[in-house]
Amino acid sequence: MEKKIIDAYIAYLLENGEQPKSVFTFAKSLDMEESEFYKYFGSFTAIEKHIMGHLFAATKEKLEADEVFKNYGAREKMLALFFSWVENARSYRSYLLHLHQRNKIHTPVPRYLDAIKDDFKAFTQVIIGEGINNNEVADRKYLSDKYADGLWLQFAFIHQFWLKDDSKDFEKTDAAIEKSLHLAFELLGKGVLDAALDFGKFLFQNRPM
């Protein structure tokens, strides 16, 4: 019944361009009592959060079940996560486009993605920790704890880039993932960012008085 409700809700949104007028009318269209609907979801918003959560959980579980993924370094794991998200999200593309277009407040991270933020950051923190342990990621005082936040913003950017991508088989999105994560790990690794921070510290300490 849960799947029936979700499928019917998505179909209604895409066919009508808006949420059902009420839980009562929506339940009636499914030949069920309103009270039965509440056994599965407390509101239409709860359905949307469930869909997003399920999509990310399915992406994560697919990766964790892959023996090859387990042997990847941090950079390769993040690439796999981003590519797998886009691949799995294809089945919900029209629905996600609706949510995106409905999002009236333009922010770096659309509100509907908030439903997976904590799970994304928790999964990413593990990968970052592995990267620090194998020296692929620099352990920087005050900054290391913020790495997951930066990757979350990058994930939101790629998600929105994909929704706007009209290239064949989303080739531009694939390129954007490759290039953006290459840059991210250049900055997370030892070298570029450390040199920039050191130079900034030098300029601060030697600024004209």
N, C-alpha and C. Protein backbone atom coordinates (compact mmCIF):
# COMPACT_ATOMS: atom_id res chain seq x y z
N MET A 1 0.83 -1.21 0.00
CA MET A 1 0.00 0.00 0.00
C MET A 1 0.87 1.27 0.00
N GLU A 2 2.00 1.20 0.71
CA GLU A 2 2.88 2.36 0.75
C GLU A 2 3.34 2.75 -0.66
N LYS A 3 3.77 1.75 -1.43
CA LYS A 3 4.22 2.00 -2.80
C LYS A 3 3.06 2.53 -3.66
N LYS A 4 1.85 2.01 -3.44
CA LYS A 4 0.69 2.46 -4.19
C LYS A 4 0.43 3.94 -3.94
N ILE A 5 0.56 4.36 -2.69
CA ILE A 5 0.37 5.77 -2.33
C ILE A 5 1.42 6.63 -2.99
N ILE A 6 2.68 6.21 -2.90
CA ILE A 6 3.79 6.98 -3.48
C ILE A 6 3.62 7.12 -4.99
N ASP A 7 3.35 6.01 -5.66
CA ASP A 7 3.20 6.04 -7.12
C ASP A 7 2.04 6.94 -7.54
N ALA A 8 0.95 6.86 -6.79
CA ALA A 8 -0.23 7.67 -7.10
C ALA A 8 0.05 9.15 -6.85
N TYR A 9 0.81 9.44 -5.80
CA TYR A 9 1.13 10.83 -5.47
C TYR A 9 2.01 11.45 -6.56
N ILE A 10 3.04 10.71 -6.98
CA ILE A 10 3.92 11.21 -8.04
C ILE A 10 3.13 11.43 -9.33
N ALA A 11 2.27 10.47 -9.67
CA ALA A 11 1.46 10.59 -10.88
C ALA A 11 0.56 11.81 -10.81
N TYR A 12 -0.03 12.05 -9.65
CA TYR A 12 -0.93 13.21 -9.49
C TYR A 12 -0.15 14.51 -9.69
N LEU A 13 1.02 14.60 -9.06
CA LEU A 13 1.83 15.81 -9.18
C LEU A 13 2.19 16.10 -10.64
N LEU A 14 2.61 15.07 -11.35
CA LEU A 14 3.07 15.26 -12.72
C LEU A 14 1.92 15.53 -13.69
N GLU A 15 0.76 14.98 -13.38
CA GLU A 15 -0.40 15.18 -14.26
C GLU A 15 -1.12 16.49 -13.99
N ASN A 16 -1.06 16.94 -12.73
CA ASN A 16 -1.82 18.15 -12.36
C ASN A 16 -0.95 19.36 -12.04
N GLY A 17 0.34 19.14 -11.86
CA GLY A 17 1.24 20.25 -11.58
C GLY A 17 1.14 20.82 -10.19
N GLU A 18 0.45 20.15 -9.31
CA GLU A 18 0.29 20.61 -7.94
C GLU A 18 -0.09 19.44 -7.04
N GLN A 19 0.02 19.66 -5.73
CA GLN A 19 -0.38 18.62 -4.79
C GLN A 19 -1.89 18.44 -4.81
N PRO A 20 -2.38 17.26 -4.39
CA PRO A 20 -3.83 17.08 -4.25
C PRO A 20 -4.40 18.12 -3.29
N LYS A 21 -5.66 18.42 -3.46
CA LYS A 21 -6.29 19.46 -2.63
C LYS A 21 -6.32 19.09 -1.16
N SER A 22 -6.46 17.81 -0.88
CA SER A 22 -6.50 17.37 0.51
C SER A 22 -6.19 15.88 0.58
N VAL A 23 -5.83 15.42 1.77
CA VAL A 23 -5.59 13.99 1.97
C VAL A 23 -6.89 13.22 1.74
N PHE A 24 -8.00 13.82 2.13
CA PHE A 24 -9.31 13.16 1.98
C PHE A 24 -9.59 12.83 0.52
N THR A 25 -9.46 13.83 -0.36
CA THR A 25 -9.76 13.59 -1.77
C THR A 25 -8.75 12.65 -2.41
N PHE A 26 -7.50 12.74 -1.98
CA PHE A 26 -6.47 11.87 -2.53
C PHE A 26 -6.73 10.42 -2.11
N ALA A 27 -7.04 10.22 -0.84
CA ALA A 27 -7.32 8.87 -0.36
C ALA A 27 -8.56 8.31 -1.06
N LYS A 28 -9.55 9.14 -1.25
CA LYS A 28 -10.78 8.71 -1.93
C LYS A 28 -10.48 8.23 -3.34
N SER A 29 -9.56 8.90 -4.03
CA SER A 29 -9.20 8.51 -5.40
C SER A 29 -8.51 7.14 -5.44
N LEU A 30 -7.99 6.72 -4.30
CA LEU A 30 -7.34 5.41 -4.19
C LEU A 30 -8.26 4.36 -3.57
N ASP A 31 -9.53 4.74 -3.37
CA ASP A 31 -10.52 3.85 -2.74
C ASP A 31 -10.06 3.39 -1.36
N MET A 32 -9.57 4.35 -0.60
CA MET A 32 -9.15 4.03 0.76
C MET A 32 -9.64 5.12 1.71
N GLU A 33 -9.76 4.78 2.97
CA GLU A 33 -10.18 5.75 3.98
C GLU A 33 -9.02 6.70 4.30
N GLU A 34 -9.35 7.91 4.64
CA GLU A 34 -8.32 8.88 5.01
C GLU A 34 -7.47 8.35 6.16
N SER A 35 -8.10 7.69 7.11
CA SER A 35 -7.37 7.16 8.27
C SER A 35 -6.32 6.13 7.85
N GLU A 36 -6.58 5.39 6.77
CA GLU A 36 -5.62 4.41 6.31
C GLU A 36 -4.38 5.09 5.74
N PHE A 37 -4.57 6.22 5.08
CA PHE A 37 -3.44 6.99 4.54
C PHE A 37 -2.47 7.33 5.66
N TYR A 38 -3.01 7.74 6.81
CA TYR A 38 -2.16 8.19 7.92
C TYR A 38 -1.40 7.05 8.60
N LYS A 39 -1.73 5.82 8.26
CA LYS A 39 -0.96 4.70 8.77
C LYS A 39 0.43 4.66 8.13
N TYR A 40 0.54 5.30 6.97
CA TYR A 40 1.79 5.26 6.21
C TYR A 40 2.50 6.61 6.17
N PHE A 41 1.74 7.69 6.06
CA PHE A 41 2.34 9.02 5.96
C PHE A 41 1.47 10.04 6.72
N GLY A 42 2.15 11.01 7.35
CA GLY A 42 1.42 12.01 8.10
C GLY A 42 0.96 13.19 7.27
N SER A 43 1.54 13.32 6.05
CA SER A 43 1.20 14.45 5.18
C SER A 43 1.80 14.20 3.80
N PHE A 44 1.48 15.07 2.86
CA PHE A 44 2.10 14.98 1.53
C PHE A 44 3.60 15.29 1.61
N THR A 45 3.95 16.21 2.51
CA THR A 45 5.36 16.54 2.69
C THR A 45 6.14 15.32 3.16
N ALA A 46 5.51 14.52 4.01
CA ALA A 46 6.15 13.30 4.51
C ALA A 46 6.41 12.32 3.36
N ILE A 47 5.51 12.28 2.39
CA ILE A 47 5.72 11.43 1.22
C ILE A 47 6.96 11.89 0.46
N GLU A 48 7.07 13.19 0.27
CA GLU A 48 8.20 13.73 -0.50
C GLU A 48 9.53 13.48 0.21
N LYS A 49 9.54 13.62 1.53
CA LYS A 49 10.76 13.33 2.29
C LYS A 49 11.12 11.86 2.19
N HIS A 50 10.10 11.02 2.22
CA HIS A 50 10.33 9.57 2.12
C HIS A 50 10.93 9.22 0.77
N ILE A 51 10.42 9.81 -0.29
CA ILE A 51 10.93 9.52 -1.64
C ILE A 51 12.40 9.90 -1.75
N MET A 52 12.76 11.10 -1.26
CA MET A 52 14.14 11.54 -1.32
C MET A 52 15.04 10.65 -0.48
N GLY A 53 14.57 10.32 0.72
CA GLY A 53 15.34 9.46 1.60
C GLY A 53 15.56 8.08 1.00
N HIS A 54 14.51 7.55 0.40
CA HIS A 54 14.59 6.23 -0.24
C HIS A 54 15.58 6.25 -1.41
N LEU A 55 15.56 7.32 -2.17
CA LEU A 55 16.45 7.43 -3.34
C LEU A 55 17.91 7.47 -2.91
N PHE A 56 18.21 8.24 -1.86
CA PHE A 56 19.60 8.29 -1.41
C PHE A 56 20.01 6.97 -0.75
N ALA A 57 19.10 6.39 0.03
CA ALA A 57 19.41 5.12 0.69
C ALA A 57 19.70 4.03 -0.34
N ALA A 58 18.92 4.01 -1.42
CA ALA A 58 19.14 3.01 -2.48
C ALA A 58 20.49 3.22 -3.15
N THR A 59 20.86 4.48 -3.34
CA THR A 59 22.16 4.81 -3.94
C THR A 59 23.29 4.33 -3.04
N LYS A 60 23.18 4.63 -1.75
CA LYS A 60 24.21 4.25 -0.79
C LYS A 60 24.32 2.73 -0.66
N GLU A 61 23.19 2.05 -0.58
CA GLU A 61 23.19 0.59 -0.42
C GLU A 61 23.81 -0.10 -1.63
N LYS A 62 23.55 0.43 -2.81
CA LYS A 62 24.13 -0.14 -4.03
C LYS A 62 25.65 -0.04 -3.99
N LEU A 63 26.16 1.10 -3.54
CA LEU A 63 27.60 1.29 -3.46
C LEU A 63 28.21 0.39 -2.40
N GLU A 64 27.59 0.33 -1.25
CA GLU A 64 28.14 -0.45 -0.14
C GLU A 64 28.15 -1.95 -0.44
N ALA A 65 27.27 -2.39 -1.34
CA ALA A 65 27.22 -3.80 -1.70
C ALA A 65 28.24 -4.16 -2.78
N ASP A 66 28.88 -3.15 -3.34
CA ASP A 66 29.85 -3.35 -4.42
C ASP A 66 31.25 -3.58 -3.83
N GLU A 67 31.81 -4.75 -4.05
CA GLU A 67 33.12 -5.08 -3.50
C GLU A 67 34.22 -4.17 -4.06
N VAL A 68 34.07 -3.78 -5.33
CA VAL A 68 35.06 -2.89 -5.94
C VAL A 68 35.06 -1.52 -5.25
N PHE A 69 33.85 -1.02 -4.93
CA PHE A 69 33.73 0.28 -4.26
C PHE A 69 34.49 0.30 -2.95
N LYS A 70 34.47 -0.81 -2.22
CA LYS A 70 35.12 -0.88 -0.92
C LYS A 70 36.63 -0.64 -1.01
N ASN A 71 37.21 -0.93 -2.15
CA ASN A 71 38.64 -0.77 -2.33
C ASN A 71 39.04 0.56 -2.96
N TYR A 72 38.06 1.39 -3.26
CA TYR A 72 38.34 2.69 -3.84
C TYR A 72 38.98 3.62 -2.82
N GLY A 73 39.70 4.62 -3.33
CA GLY A 73 40.17 5.70 -2.49
C GLY A 73 39.05 6.70 -2.30
N ALA A 74 39.29 7.75 -1.53
CA ALA A 74 38.24 8.74 -1.22
C ALA A 74 37.72 9.43 -2.47
N ARG A 75 38.61 9.83 -3.36
CA ARG A 75 38.20 10.52 -4.58
C ARG A 75 37.29 9.62 -5.42
N GLU A 76 37.70 8.37 -5.60
CA GLU A 76 36.91 7.44 -6.42
C GLU A 76 35.56 7.14 -5.78
N LYS A 77 35.54 7.08 -4.44
CA LYS A 77 34.27 6.83 -3.76
C LYS A 77 33.30 7.99 -3.95
N MET A 78 33.81 9.21 -3.88
CA MET A 78 32.93 10.35 -4.08
C MET A 78 32.45 10.42 -5.53
N LEU A 79 33.32 10.11 -6.46
CA LEU A 79 32.91 10.05 -7.87
C LEU A 79 31.80 9.02 -8.05
N ALA A 80 31.98 7.85 -7.45
CA ALA A 80 30.98 6.79 -7.56
C ALA A 80 29.65 7.23 -6.96
N LEU A 81 29.71 7.94 -5.84
CA LEU A 81 28.49 8.42 -5.19
C LEU A 81 27.73 9.39 -6.09
N PHE A 82 28.44 10.36 -6.65
CA PHE A 82 27.80 11.36 -7.50
C PHE A 82 27.23 10.71 -8.77
N PHE A 83 28.02 9.85 -9.40
CA PHE A 83 27.55 9.19 -10.62
C PHE A 83 26.36 8.28 -10.33
N SER A 84 26.40 7.56 -9.23
CA SER A 84 25.31 6.65 -8.87
C SER A 84 24.03 7.41 -8.54
N TRP A 85 24.18 8.56 -7.89
CA TRP A 85 23.01 9.38 -7.57
C TRP A 85 22.29 9.80 -8.85
N VAL A 86 23.06 10.32 -9.80
CA VAL A 86 22.47 10.78 -11.07
C VAL A 86 21.83 9.60 -11.81
N GLU A 87 22.49 8.46 -11.78
CA GLU A 87 21.96 7.28 -12.47
C GLU A 87 20.64 6.82 -11.85
N ASN A 88 20.59 6.73 -10.54
CA ASN A 88 19.37 6.28 -9.86
C ASN A 88 18.26 7.32 -9.96
N ALA A 89 18.64 8.60 -9.96
CA ALA A 89 17.65 9.67 -9.98
C ALA A 89 16.95 9.80 -11.33
N ARG A 90 17.51 9.18 -12.36
CA ARG A 90 16.87 9.26 -13.69
C ARG A 90 15.42 8.79 -13.66
N SER A 91 15.15 7.77 -12.88
CA SER A 91 13.79 7.22 -12.82
C SER A 91 12.81 8.21 -12.20
N TYR A 92 13.34 9.20 -11.48
CA TYR A 92 12.49 10.20 -10.82
C TYR A 92 12.70 11.60 -11.40
N ARG A 93 13.32 11.68 -12.56
CA ARG A 93 13.71 12.98 -13.10
C ARG A 93 12.53 13.95 -13.24
N SER A 94 11.43 13.50 -13.83
CA SER A 94 10.27 14.39 -14.01
C SER A 94 9.74 14.86 -12.66
N TYR A 95 9.71 13.96 -11.69
CA TYR A 95 9.26 14.32 -10.36
C TYR A 95 10.21 15.33 -9.72
N LEU A 96 11.52 15.10 -9.84
CA LEU A 96 12.50 16.02 -9.26
C LEU A 96 12.47 17.37 -9.95
N LEU A 97 12.23 17.37 -11.25
CA LEU A 97 12.08 18.64 -11.97
C LEU A 97 10.89 19.42 -11.43
N HIS A 98 9.80 18.71 -11.13
CA HIS A 98 8.63 19.38 -10.57
C HIS A 98 8.98 20.02 -9.23
N LEU A 99 9.65 19.26 -8.36
CA LEU A 99 10.03 19.80 -7.05
C LEU A 99 10.93 21.02 -7.22
N HIS A 100 11.86 20.93 -8.16
CA HIS A 100 12.81 22.02 -8.37
C HIS A 100 12.11 23.28 -8.87
N GLN A 101 11.19 23.12 -9.79
CA GLN A 101 10.46 24.26 -10.35
C GLN A 101 9.51 24.85 -9.32
N ARG A 102 9.06 24.02 -8.38
CA ARG A 102 8.15 24.48 -7.33
C ARG A 102 8.89 25.26 -6.25
N ASN A 103 10.20 25.08 -6.19
CA ASN A 103 11.03 25.73 -5.18
C ASN A 103 11.18 27.22 -5.52
N LYS A 104 10.38 28.05 -4.93
CA LYS A 104 10.34 29.48 -5.28
C LYS A 104 11.52 30.26 -4.74
N ILE A 105 12.06 29.80 -3.60
CA ILE A 105 13.17 30.51 -2.98
C ILE A 105 14.47 29.93 -3.52
N HIS A 106 15.21 30.73 -4.28
CA HIS A 106 16.44 30.25 -4.90
C HIS A 106 17.60 30.34 -3.91
N THR A 107 18.07 29.18 -3.50
CA THR A 107 19.19 29.07 -2.57
C THR A 107 20.20 28.09 -3.17
N PRO A 108 21.46 28.11 -2.68
CA PRO A 108 22.44 27.16 -3.20
C PRO A 108 21.99 25.70 -3.09
N VAL A 109 21.21 25.42 -2.05
CA VAL A 109 20.67 24.07 -1.85
C VAL A 109 19.15 24.14 -1.79
N PRO A 110 18.45 23.58 -2.78
CA PRO A 110 16.98 23.59 -2.75
C PRO A 110 16.45 22.90 -1.50
N ARG A 111 15.36 23.40 -0.97
CA ARG A 111 14.84 22.88 0.29
C ARG A 111 14.50 21.39 0.24
N TYR A 112 14.06 20.91 -0.91
CA TYR A 112 13.65 19.50 -0.97
C TYR A 112 14.84 18.55 -0.78
N LEU A 113 16.07 19.06 -0.96
CA LEU A 113 17.25 18.22 -0.72
C LEU A 113 17.58 18.09 0.76
N ASP A 114 16.97 18.95 1.59
CA ASP A 114 17.24 18.90 3.03
C ASP A 114 16.96 17.52 3.61
N ALA A 115 16.04 16.79 2.98
CA ALA A 115 15.64 15.47 3.48
C ALA A 115 16.79 14.47 3.48
N ILE A 116 17.83 14.71 2.67
CA ILE A 116 18.94 13.75 2.60
C ILE A 116 20.25 14.36 3.09
N LYS A 117 20.21 15.57 3.56
CA LYS A 117 21.45 16.26 3.95
C LYS A 117 22.22 15.50 5.02
N ASP A 118 21.55 15.11 6.09
CA ASP A 118 22.23 14.44 7.20
C ASP A 118 22.83 13.10 6.76
N ASP A 119 22.07 12.34 5.97
CA ASP A 119 22.57 11.04 5.49
C ASP A 119 23.76 11.23 4.56
N PHE A 120 23.68 12.24 3.69
CA PHE A 120 24.79 12.52 2.78
C PHE A 120 26.06 12.87 3.57
N LYS A 121 25.93 13.76 4.53
CA LYS A 121 27.09 14.21 5.29
C LYS A 121 27.68 13.09 6.13
N ALA A 122 26.82 12.23 6.69
CA ALA A 122 27.32 11.11 7.49
C ALA A 122 28.11 10.14 6.61
N PHE A 123 27.59 9.86 5.43
CA PHE A 123 28.25 8.96 4.49
C PHE A 123 29.58 9.57 4.02
N THR A 124 29.54 10.86 3.76
CA THR A 124 30.72 11.57 3.28
C THR A 124 31.80 11.67 4.35
N GLN A 125 31.39 11.86 5.59
CA GLN A 125 32.36 11.97 6.68
C GLN A 125 33.20 10.70 6.80
N VAL A 126 32.57 9.56 6.58
CA VAL A 126 33.31 8.29 6.63
C VAL A 126 34.37 8.26 5.53
N ILE A 127 33.96 8.68 4.33
CA ILE A 127 34.89 8.69 3.20
C ILE A 127 36.04 9.66 3.46
N ILE A 128 35.72 10.84 4.00
CA ILE A 128 36.75 11.83 4.33
C ILE A 128 37.72 11.27 5.36
N GLY A 129 37.17 10.58 6.37
CA GLY A 129 38.02 9.99 7.40
C GLY A 129 39.00 8.98 6.81
N GLU A 130 38.51 8.18 5.86
CA GLU A 130 39.38 7.22 5.18
C GLU A 130 40.46 7.96 4.39
N GLY A 131 40.06 9.05 3.75
CA GLY A 131 41.01 9.84 2.97
C GLY A 131 42.08 10.46 3.83
N ILE A 132 41.72 10.90 5.03
CA ILE A 132 42.71 11.47 5.95
C ILE A 132 43.67 10.38 6.43
N ASN A 133 43.12 9.19 6.71
CA ASN A 133 43.96 8.09 7.20
C ASN A 133 44.99 7.63 6.17
N ASN A 134 44.62 7.70 4.88
CA ASN A 134 45.58 7.25 3.86
C ASN A 134 46.31 8.43 3.19
N ASN A 135 46.20 9.61 3.83
CA ASN A 135 46.90 10.82 3.37
C ASN A 135 46.43 11.34 2.02
N GLU A 136 45.27 10.90 1.58
CA GLU A 136 44.70 11.43 0.34
C GLU A 136 44.05 12.78 0.60
N VAL A 137 43.59 12.98 1.83
CA VAL A 137 42.94 14.22 2.25
C VAL A 137 43.75 14.81 3.40
N ALA A 138 44.02 16.11 3.34
CA ALA A 138 44.80 16.77 4.38
C ALA A 138 43.95 16.99 5.63
N ASP A 139 44.54 16.69 6.78
CA ASP A 139 43.86 16.92 8.06
C ASP A 139 44.24 18.32 8.52
N ARG A 140 43.32 19.26 8.39
CA ARG A 140 43.59 20.65 8.70
C ARG A 140 42.78 21.11 9.91
N LYS A 141 43.43 21.71 10.84
CA LYS A 141 42.77 22.21 12.04
C LYS A 141 41.69 23.21 11.67
N TYR A 142 40.51 23.03 12.24
CA TYR A 142 39.33 23.89 12.04
C TYR A 142 38.65 23.68 10.68
N LEU A 143 39.36 23.13 9.70
CA LEU A 143 38.78 22.99 8.37
C LEU A 143 38.26 21.58 8.07
N SER A 144 38.92 20.57 8.62
CA SER A 144 38.55 19.19 8.31
C SER A 144 37.08 18.90 8.59
N ASP A 145 36.58 19.48 9.68
CA ASP A 145 35.18 19.25 10.04
C ASP A 145 34.20 19.89 9.06
N LYS A 146 34.72 20.78 8.21
CA LYS A 146 33.86 21.49 7.26
C LYS A 146 33.89 20.86 5.86
N TYR A 147 34.73 19.85 5.66
CA TYR A 147 34.85 19.24 4.34
C TYR A 147 33.51 18.70 3.84
N ALA A 148 32.78 18.02 4.72
CA ALA A 148 31.50 17.43 4.32
C ALA A 148 30.50 18.50 3.90
N ASP A 149 30.57 19.68 4.55
CA ASP A 149 29.68 20.78 4.17
C ASP A 149 30.00 21.26 2.75
N GLY A 150 31.29 21.33 2.44
CA GLY A 150 31.70 21.75 1.10
C GLY A 150 31.25 20.76 0.04
N LEU A 151 31.40 19.47 0.33
CA LEU A 151 30.99 18.44 -0.62
C LEU A 151 29.47 18.39 -0.77
N TRP A 152 28.75 18.74 0.31
CA TRP A 152 27.30 18.82 0.23
C TRP A 152 26.87 19.92 -0.74
N LEU A 153 27.51 21.08 -0.67
CA LEU A 153 27.20 22.17 -1.59
C LEU A 153 27.54 21.76 -3.03
N GLN A 154 28.62 21.02 -3.17
CA GLN A 154 29.02 20.55 -4.50
C GLN A 154 28.00 19.55 -5.04
N PHE A 155 27.51 18.68 -4.17
CA PHE A 155 26.49 17.70 -4.55
C PHE A 155 25.22 18.42 -5.02
N ALA A 156 24.81 19.44 -4.27
CA ALA A 156 23.61 20.21 -4.63
C ALA A 156 23.80 20.90 -5.98
N PHE A 157 25.00 21.42 -6.22
CA PHE A 157 25.29 22.06 -7.50
C PHE A 157 25.16 21.06 -8.65
N ILE A 158 25.77 19.88 -8.49
CA ILE A 158 25.72 18.86 -9.53
C ILE A 158 24.29 18.40 -9.77
N HIS A 159 23.54 18.24 -8.71
CA HIS A 159 22.13 17.82 -8.84
C HIS A 159 21.34 18.83 -9.69
N GLN A 160 21.54 20.09 -9.40
CA GLN A 160 20.82 21.12 -10.15
C GLN A 160 21.35 21.25 -11.58
N PHE A 161 22.66 21.06 -11.75
CA PHE A 161 23.24 21.06 -13.09
C PHE A 161 22.61 19.96 -13.93
N TRP A 162 22.46 18.78 -13.34
CA TRP A 162 21.87 17.64 -14.04
C TRP A 162 20.42 17.92 -14.44
N LEU A 163 19.67 18.56 -13.56
CA LEU A 163 18.26 18.86 -13.87
C LEU A 163 18.13 19.81 -15.06
N LYS A 164 19.15 20.62 -15.28
CA LYS A 164 19.12 21.58 -16.40
C LYS A 164 19.84 21.04 -17.64
N ASP A 165 20.49 19.91 -17.50
CA ASP A 165 21.30 19.35 -18.59
C ASP A 165 20.42 18.71 -19.66
N ASP A 166 20.56 19.17 -20.90
CA ASP A 166 19.78 18.60 -22.00
C ASP A 166 20.68 17.87 -23.01
N SER A 167 21.91 17.57 -22.59
CA SER A 167 22.83 16.87 -23.49
C SER A 167 22.48 15.38 -23.56
N LYS A 168 22.94 14.74 -24.63
CA LYS A 168 22.67 13.31 -24.83
C LYS A 168 23.25 12.49 -23.68
N ASP A 169 22.38 11.67 -23.09
CA ASP A 169 22.79 10.79 -21.99
C ASP A 169 23.45 11.56 -20.86
N PHE A 170 23.13 12.86 -20.76
CA PHE A 170 23.65 13.73 -19.70
C PHE A 170 25.18 13.74 -19.67
N GLU A 171 25.76 13.83 -20.87
CA GLU A 171 27.22 13.82 -20.99
C GLU A 171 27.85 15.03 -20.29
N LYS A 172 27.18 16.18 -20.34
CA LYS A 172 27.72 17.38 -19.69
C LYS A 172 27.77 17.20 -18.17
N THR A 173 26.78 16.52 -17.62
CA THR A 173 26.77 16.27 -16.17
C THR A 173 27.93 15.37 -15.78
N ASP A 174 28.19 14.34 -16.59
CA ASP A 174 29.32 13.46 -16.32
C ASP A 174 30.63 14.26 -16.28
N ALA A 175 30.79 15.16 -17.24
CA ALA A 175 32.00 15.98 -17.29
C ALA A 175 32.07 16.91 -16.08
N ALA A 176 30.91 17.47 -15.68
CA ALA A 176 30.87 18.39 -14.53
C ALA A 176 31.26 17.65 -13.25
N ILE A 177 30.80 16.42 -13.11
CA ILE A 177 31.16 15.63 -11.93
C ILE A 177 32.66 15.39 -11.89
N GLU A 178 33.20 14.97 -13.01
CA GLU A 178 34.64 14.68 -13.09
C GLU A 178 35.47 15.91 -12.74
N LYS A 179 35.16 17.03 -13.38
CA LYS A 179 35.96 18.24 -13.21
C LYS A 179 35.80 18.84 -11.81
N SER A 180 34.57 18.86 -11.29
CA SER A 180 34.34 19.48 -9.99
C SER A 180 34.97 18.67 -8.86
N LEU A 181 34.90 17.34 -8.94
CA LEU A 181 35.50 16.53 -7.88
C LEU A 181 37.02 16.48 -8.01
N HIS A 182 37.52 16.60 -9.23
CA HIS A 182 38.97 16.71 -9.40
C HIS A 182 39.48 17.96 -8.68
N LEU A 183 38.78 19.06 -8.89
CA LEU A 183 39.15 20.31 -8.22
C LEU A 183 39.01 20.18 -6.71
N ALA A 184 37.90 19.58 -6.26
CA ALA A 184 37.65 19.45 -4.83
C ALA A 184 38.78 18.69 -4.14
N PHE A 185 39.21 17.59 -4.74
CA PHE A 185 40.25 16.79 -4.09
C PHE A 185 41.64 17.37 -4.26
N GLU A 186 41.81 18.23 -5.25
CA GLU A 186 43.05 18.99 -5.31
C GLU A 186 43.12 19.94 -4.11
N LEU A 187 41.98 20.50 -3.75
CA LEU A 187 41.92 21.42 -2.61
C LEU A 187 41.95 20.67 -1.29
N LEU A 188 41.31 19.49 -1.23
CA LEU A 188 41.29 18.72 0.01
C LEU A 188 42.63 18.06 0.28
N GLY A 189 43.38 17.79 -0.78
CA GLY A 189 44.69 17.17 -0.61
C GLY A 189 45.73 18.17 -0.16
N LYS A 190 46.91 17.67 0.10
CA LYS A 190 48.00 18.54 0.55
C LYS A 190 48.63 19.25 -0.65
N GLY A 191 48.83 20.53 -0.53
CA GLY A 191 49.47 21.24 -1.62
C GLY A 191 48.83 22.58 -1.93
N VAL A 192 47.85 22.56 -2.82
CA VAL A 192 47.26 23.80 -3.33
C VAL A 192 46.68 24.67 -2.23
N LEU A 193 45.76 24.11 -1.45
CA LEU A 193 45.10 24.90 -0.41
C LEU A 193 46.08 25.30 0.68
N ASP A 194 46.98 24.39 1.04
CA ASP A 194 47.95 24.70 2.09
C ASP A 194 48.85 25.86 1.66
N ALA A 195 49.24 25.85 0.38
CA ALA A 195 50.07 26.94 -0.13
C ALA A 195 49.31 28.25 -0.09
N ALA A 196 48.03 28.20 -0.46
CA ALA A 196 47.20 29.41 -0.45
C ALA A 196 47.02 29.92 0.97
N LEU A 197 46.78 29.00 1.94
CA LEU A 197 46.60 29.39 3.33
C LEU A 197 47.89 29.97 3.90
N ASP A 198 49.00 29.35 3.54
CA ASP A 198 50.30 29.82 4.03
C ASP A 198 50.60 31.22 3.50
N PHE A 199 50.27 31.43 2.22
CA PHE A 199 50.51 32.74 1.62
C PHE A 199 49.58 33.78 2.25
N GLY A 200 48.34 33.40 2.49
CA GLY A 200 47.40 34.31 3.14
C GLY A 200 47.87 34.69 4.54
N LYS A 201 48.38 33.68 5.27
CA LYS A 201 48.91 33.95 6.61
C LYS A 201 50.09 34.91 6.55
N PHE A 202 50.96 34.69 5.55
CA PHE A 202 52.13 35.57 5.37
C PHE A 202 51.69 37.00 5.10
N LEU A 203 50.71 37.16 4.19
CA LEU A 203 50.25 38.52 3.87
C LEU A 203 49.62 39.19 5.07
N PHE A 204 48.88 38.41 5.87
CA PHE A 204 48.24 38.98 7.07
C PHE A 204 49.29 39.43 8.08
N GLN A 205 50.28 38.57 8.29
CA GLN A 205 51.30 38.87 9.29
C GLN A 205 52.21 40.01 8.85
N ASN A 206 52.32 40.22 7.54
CA ASN A 206 53.23 41.24 7.03
C ASN A 206 52.51 42.41 6.37
N ARG A 207 51.24 42.59 6.73
CA ARG A 207 50.47 43.69 6.17
C ARG A 207 51.00 45.02 6.68
N PRO A 208 50.93 46.07 5.87
CA PRO A 208 51.37 47.39 6.31
C PRO A 208 50.55 47.86 7.50
N MET A 209 51.22 48.46 8.48
CA MET A 209 50.52 48.95 9.66
C MET A 209 50.17 50.42 9.48
